[in-house]
Amino acid sequence: MTAEVELDTVLRRLHMPTVRRLWSDLQVRVEKEETRYAEYLQTLVGEEISHRTQPRSLG
């Protein structure tokens, strides 16, 4: 099993859909920009929190 598949499985079990959706694209971007790992992780977690605190539409 590849690291990407394992990560997807873990994120699914942790119920982190936003991180699952964003991590790969963000990883490519931060590698190009040489962003520090802590900043990358902070962005991912911040996006997950933001997603979770948004009001849900009924519908």
C-alpha atoms as a PDB file:
ATOM      1  CA  MET A   1       0.000   0.000   0.000  1.00  0.00           C
ATOM      2  CA  THR A   2       1.387   3.414  -0.920  1.00  0.00           C
ATOM      3  CA  ALA A   3       1.833   6.236   1.572  1.00  0.00           C
ATOM      4  CA  GLU A   4      -0.853   8.230  -0.248  1.00  0.00           C
ATOM      5  CA  VAL A   5      -3.384   5.425   0.077  1.00  0.00           C
ATOM      6  CA  GLU A   6      -2.502   4.919   3.740  1.00  0.00           C
ATOM      7  CA  LEU A   7      -2.852   8.650   4.410  1.00  0.00           C
ATOM      8  CA  ASP A   8      -6.230   8.718   2.685  1.00  0.00           C
ATOM      9  CA  THR A   9      -7.370   5.792   4.825  1.00  0.00           C
ATOM     10  CA  VAL A  10      -6.228   7.447   8.054  1.00  0.00           C
ATOM     11  CA  LEU A  11      -7.826  10.777   7.155  1.00  0.00           C
ATOM     12  CA  ARG A  12     -11.075   8.991   6.313  1.00  0.00           C
ATOM     13  CA  ARG A  13     -11.042   7.233   9.705  1.00  0.00           C
ATOM     14  CA  LEU A  14     -10.375  10.553  11.435  1.00  0.00           C
ATOM     15  CA  HIS A  15     -13.283  12.142   9.526  1.00  0.00           C
ATOM     16  CA  MET A  16     -11.121  14.882   8.000  1.00  0.00           C
ATOM     17  CA  PRO A  17     -12.702  15.379   4.568  1.00  0.00           C
ATOM     18  CA  THR A  18     -11.212  18.802   3.935  1.00  0.00           C
ATOM     19  CA  VAL A  19      -7.661  17.650   4.623  1.00  0.00           C
ATOM     20  CA  ARG A  20      -8.299  14.591   2.413  1.00  0.00           C
ATOM     21  CA  ARG A  21      -9.440  16.872  -0.392  1.00  0.00           C
ATOM     22  CA  LEU A  22      -6.654  19.477  -0.114  1.00  0.00           C
ATOM     23  CA  TRP A  23      -3.446  17.838   1.078  1.00  0.00           C
ATOM     24  CA  SER A  24      -2.086  16.656  -2.267  1.00  0.00           C
ATOM     25  CA  ASP A  25      -2.586  19.904  -4.195  1.00  0.00           C
ATOM     26  CA  LEU A  26      -1.306  21.960  -1.272  1.00  0.00           C
ATOM     27  CA  GLN A  27       1.751  19.717  -0.988  1.00  0.00           C
ATOM     28  CA  VAL A  28       2.713  20.451  -4.597  1.00  0.00           C
ATOM     29  CA  ARG A  29       2.298  24.187  -4.031  1.00  0.00           C
ATOM     30  CA  VAL A  30       4.319  24.329  -0.819  1.00  0.00           C
ATOM     31  CA  GLU A  31       7.138  22.271  -2.337  1.00  0.00           C
ATOM     32  CA  LYS A  32       7.439  24.824  -5.154  1.00  0.00           C
ATOM     33  CA  GLU A  33       7.338  27.707  -2.669  1.00  0.00           C
ATOM     34  CA  GLU A  34       9.616  25.894  -0.194  1.00  0.00           C
ATOM     35  CA  THR A  35       7.129  26.462   2.603  1.00  0.00           C
ATOM     36  CA  ARG A  36       8.015  25.059   5.999  1.00  0.00           C
ATOM     37  CA  TYR A  37       6.281  21.859   7.012  1.00  0.00           C
ATOM     38  CA  ALA A  38       4.671  23.470  10.062  1.00  0.00           C
ATOM     39  CA  GLU A  39       3.078  26.129   7.850  1.00  0.00           C
ATOM     40  CA  TYR A  40       1.773  23.436   5.487  1.00  0.00           C
ATOM     41  CA  LEU A  41       0.255  21.517   8.374  1.00  0.00           C
ATOM     42  CA  GLN A  42      -1.176  24.684   9.906  1.00  0.00           C
ATOM     43  CA  THR A  43      -2.881  25.532   6.607  1.00  0.00           C
ATOM     44  CA  LEU A  44      -4.376  22.050   6.268  1.00  0.00           C
ATOM     45  CA  VAL A  45      -5.678  21.975   9.825  1.00  0.00           C
ATOM     46  CA  GLY A  46      -6.939  25.549   9.544  1.00  0.00           C
ATOM     47  CA  GLU A  47      -8.920  24.634   6.432  1.00  0.00           C
ATOM     48  CA  GLU A  48     -10.426  21.632   8.219  1.00  0.00           C
ATOM     49  CA  ILE A  49     -11.472  23.793  11.159  1.00  0.00           C
ATOM     50  CA  SER A  50     -12.915  26.428   8.842  1.00  0.00           C
ATOM     51  CA  HIS A  51     -14.922  23.781   7.000  1.00  0.00           C
ATOM     52  CA  ARG A  52     -16.269  22.355  10.243  1.00  0.00           C
ATOM     53  CA  THR A  53     -17.370  25.732  11.604  1.00  0.00           C
ATOM     54  CA  GLN A  54     -19.228  26.825   8.475  1.00  0.00           C
ATOM     55  CA  PRO A  55     -22.995  26.753   8.823  1.00  0.00           C
ATOM     56  CA  ARG A  56     -24.501  23.795   6.992  1.00  0.00           C
ATOM     57  CA  SER A  57     -27.269  24.417   4.525  1.00  0.00           C
ATOM     58  CA  LEU A  58     -30.380  22.345   4.937  1.00  0.00           C
ATOM     59  CA  GLY A  59     -31.326  20.944   1.768  1.00  0.00           C
END
